[in-house]
Structures are given as structure tokens and as C-alpha cells.
Protein backbone atom coordinates (compact mmCIF):
# COMPACT_ATOMS: atom_id res chain seq x y z
CA MET A 1 -11.60 -12.40 0.43
CA ALA A 2 -11.90 -8.85 0.84
CA ASP A 3 -11.53 -7.26 -2.28
CA GLY A 4 -9.26 -4.05 -3.17
CA LEU A 5 -11.06 -1.46 -1.69
CA GLN A 6 -12.17 -3.27 2.12
CA TRP A 7 -7.94 -3.98 2.65
CA ILE A 8 -8.19 0.31 2.08
CA GLY A 9 -10.63 0.96 3.97
CA MET A 10 -9.56 -0.64 6.74
CA ALA A 11 -5.68 0.12 6.00
CA ARG A 12 -7.40 3.82 7.04
CA ARG A 13 -9.69 2.43 10.20
CA ALA A 14 -6.25 1.62 11.81
CA GLY A 15 -4.55 4.30 10.46
CA LEU A 16 -1.73 2.74 8.40
CA ILE A 17 -2.01 4.55 5.34
CA ALA A 18 -1.28 7.90 4.34
CA LEU A 19 -3.75 9.48 2.56
CA GLY A 20 -3.46 12.47 -0.63
CA GLU A 21 -0.56 13.92 -2.63
CA GLU A 22 1.10 15.45 0.71
CA ASN A 23 0.58 12.39 3.17
CA THR A 24 2.31 10.21 0.79
CA HIS A 25 5.18 12.10 -0.43
CA ALA A 26 5.80 12.39 3.26
CA ALA A 27 5.08 9.03 4.08
CA VAL A 28 7.79 8.06 0.45
CA ARG A 29 10.37 10.25 1.45
CA GLY A 30 9.79 9.18 5.57
CA GLY A 31 10.78 6.07 4.54
CA LYS A 32 7.69 4.63 5.91
CA ALA A 33 5.36 3.88 2.92
CA VAL A 34 5.49 0.28 1.71
CA LEU A 35 3.07 0.52 -1.30
CA VAL A 36 1.71 3.64 -3.20
CA VAL A 37 -1.77 3.16 -4.66
CA VAL A 38 -3.06 5.67 -7.60
CA ALA A 39 -6.48 5.88 -9.14
CA ARG A 40 -7.00 4.83 -12.17
CA ASP A 41 -8.53 8.33 -13.24
CA SER A 42 -6.03 10.15 -11.97
CA SER A 43 -4.45 12.92 -14.06
CA PRO A 44 -1.58 12.71 -15.85
CA GLY A 45 0.50 15.06 -13.12
CA ALA A 46 -0.78 12.75 -10.47
CA LEU A 47 0.43 10.11 -11.67
CA LYS A 48 4.37 11.91 -12.95
CA ARG A 49 4.59 13.41 -9.43
CA ALA A 50 4.15 9.83 -7.66
CA GLU A 51 6.88 8.32 -10.01
CA GLY A 52 8.79 10.84 -8.73
CA TYR A 53 8.21 9.93 -5.08
CA VAL A 54 9.32 6.36 -5.70
CA PHE A 55 11.81 6.80 -7.74
CA GLU A 56 14.80 7.19 -5.74
CA PRO A 57 13.76 4.54 -2.47
CA GLY A 58 12.27 2.00 -5.07
CA THR A 59 8.88 2.11 -3.10
CA PRO A 60 6.30 -0.49 -5.65
CA LEU A 61 3.99 2.31 -7.59
CA LEU A 62 0.61 0.72 -8.61
CA THR A 63 -2.48 1.86 -10.07
CA ALA A 64 -5.58 1.02 -8.68
CA PRO A 65 -8.21 -0.56 -10.67
CA TYR A 66 -10.25 2.03 -9.08
CA ASP A 67 -11.17 5.67 -9.58
CA LYS A 68 -11.26 9.08 -7.21
CA ALA A 69 -14.73 8.22 -6.23
CA GLN A 70 -14.44 4.45 -5.18
CA ILE A 71 -11.28 5.55 -2.99
CA SER A 72 -12.48 8.60 -1.44
CA GLU A 73 -16.11 6.52 -0.56
CA ARG A 74 -14.05 4.22 1.14
CA THR A 75 -11.32 6.34 2.67
CA GLY A 76 -13.45 9.73 4.07
CA LYS A 77 -11.09 11.63 1.59
CA PRO A 78 -12.84 13.30 -0.88
CA GLY A 79 -10.93 13.81 -4.70
CA CYS A 80 -8.47 11.14 -3.02
CA SER A 81 -6.45 9.97 -5.51
CA MET A 82 -3.53 8.23 -4.23
CA ALA A 83 -2.46 7.08 -1.04
CA ALA A 84 1.07 5.36 0.42
CA PHE A 85 0.26 1.72 2.61
CA LEU A 86 2.66 2.08 5.70
CA ASP A 87 1.72 -1.43 6.30
CA VAL A 88 3.35 -4.26 4.84
CA GLY A 89 1.41 -6.41 5.68
CA LEU A 90 -2.02 -4.61 4.78
CA ALA A 91 0.11 -4.22 1.59
CA ALA A 92 0.33 -7.84 0.87
CA SER A 93 -2.92 -8.37 1.14
CA PHE A 94 -4.38 -5.14 -0.48
CA THR A 95 -2.01 -6.56 -3.92
CA GLU A 96 -3.06 -10.37 -3.56
CA ALA A 97 -6.81 -9.24 -3.51
CA LEU A 98 -6.14 -7.04 -6.57
CA ARG A 99 -4.00 -9.86 -7.75
CA GLU A 100 -7.14 -12.38 -6.81
CA GLU A 101 -9.79 -10.15 -8.28
CA PHE A 102 -7.68 -9.08 -11.85
CA GLY A 103 -5.68 -11.48 -12.28
CA THR A 104 -1.65 -11.16 -13.27
CA GLU A 105 -1.53 -7.79 -13.95
CA TYR A 106 -0.72 -7.56 -10.03
CA ALA A 107 1.03 -10.66 -9.34
CA GLU A 108 4.53 -9.45 -9.93
CA THR A 109 3.70 -6.79 -7.04
CA ALA A 110 1.76 -9.32 -4.98
CA ALA A 111 4.45 -11.73 -4.95
CA ALA A 112 6.95 -9.25 -4.04
CA LEU A 113 5.49 -7.54 -1.22
CA CYS A 114 3.94 -11.20 -0.16
CA GLU A 115 8.12 -12.59 0.40
CA ARG A 116 8.25 -9.17 2.54
CA ARG A 117 5.91 -10.18 4.35
CA ASP A 118 7.41 -13.71 5.21
CA ARG A 119 10.76 -11.96 6.03
CA VAL A 120 9.12 -9.47 8.46
CA ARG A 121 6.74 -12.49 10.31
CA SER A 122 10.26 -14.73 10.46
CA ARG A 123 12.28 -12.42 11.94
CA LYS A 124 9.08 -11.42 14.22
CA GLY A 125 9.12 -14.95 15.00
CA ASN A 126 12.40 -15.17 15.21
CA THR A 127 13.06 -12.72 17.97
CA GLY A 128 9.45 -12.46 19.89
CA LYS A 129 11.29 -15.53 22.14
CA ARG A 130 13.37 -14.48 24.86
CA ARG A 131 15.18 -16.24 27.67
CA LYS A 132 14.61 -15.26 31.02
CA MET A 133 18.03 -13.73 32.78
CA VAL A 134 18.97 -15.62 36.36
């Protein structure tokens, strides 16, 4: 099973993560963010801004067990303290990996995102088949 940092790297390569404060804010404001992640060593000001970003839309906010250096190493963006996952499947897998690696602190967020991912998958499965018009 991949650890949380690997999921961040996968999201980066897939282009399904917004990195940095400005991009995270734009993703939340645009309704594209599924999960906002803040590094554990982020400044109190950055954490307060992230809380403000997610307050009204209700996007989950998670303080990651990784510091800025670890996140920056995986993303290639120096000093990255904040990111927003743009895909529910990647966000759910990321939180599941955190739950497995670090325990129950992330269980509630992981369960909510896994439920949301499953709803999206079931909708796609039901509408994916089309009948041929004769």
C-alpha cells in the first residue's frame, strides 16, 4: 500500500492537486477542491487562511503528518505548505493511507471521502451504459 506522500506525488503527476496557497484558494473558490491539506509545520497564519478558505464550501481540511520539506520534495514546489486534492478518488486513497499509517486521527475524514468516492463510482456505473438507438 502506498503511503500518503506517494499519493501526493501521484496526484501531482496526474495534475489533480492544486499546490500553494493561491492555487488552493482558487480551487476551493471554484468548487473543484475535494480535500485541503496543510503541512504540520505551516504557520498559524497559513492555517487560519486555510480554515477561512474551506469554511463556507465545507471542504474537509486536514493537517498532514508531513512537514513542508517532505511535501515539497514529492511535489517539486519549494516551500509548499498547502495543497488541495481535485479528485475524490485520490483524496480518499490519501486519507486511507494516513489512517493506516498513523491511526484513527484520520478515520473520520477517510470514511467520509471513501463514502463520497463510492457514490461517484456508483453514479458513473449506472450512467456509463448507453443503449443504441434504432
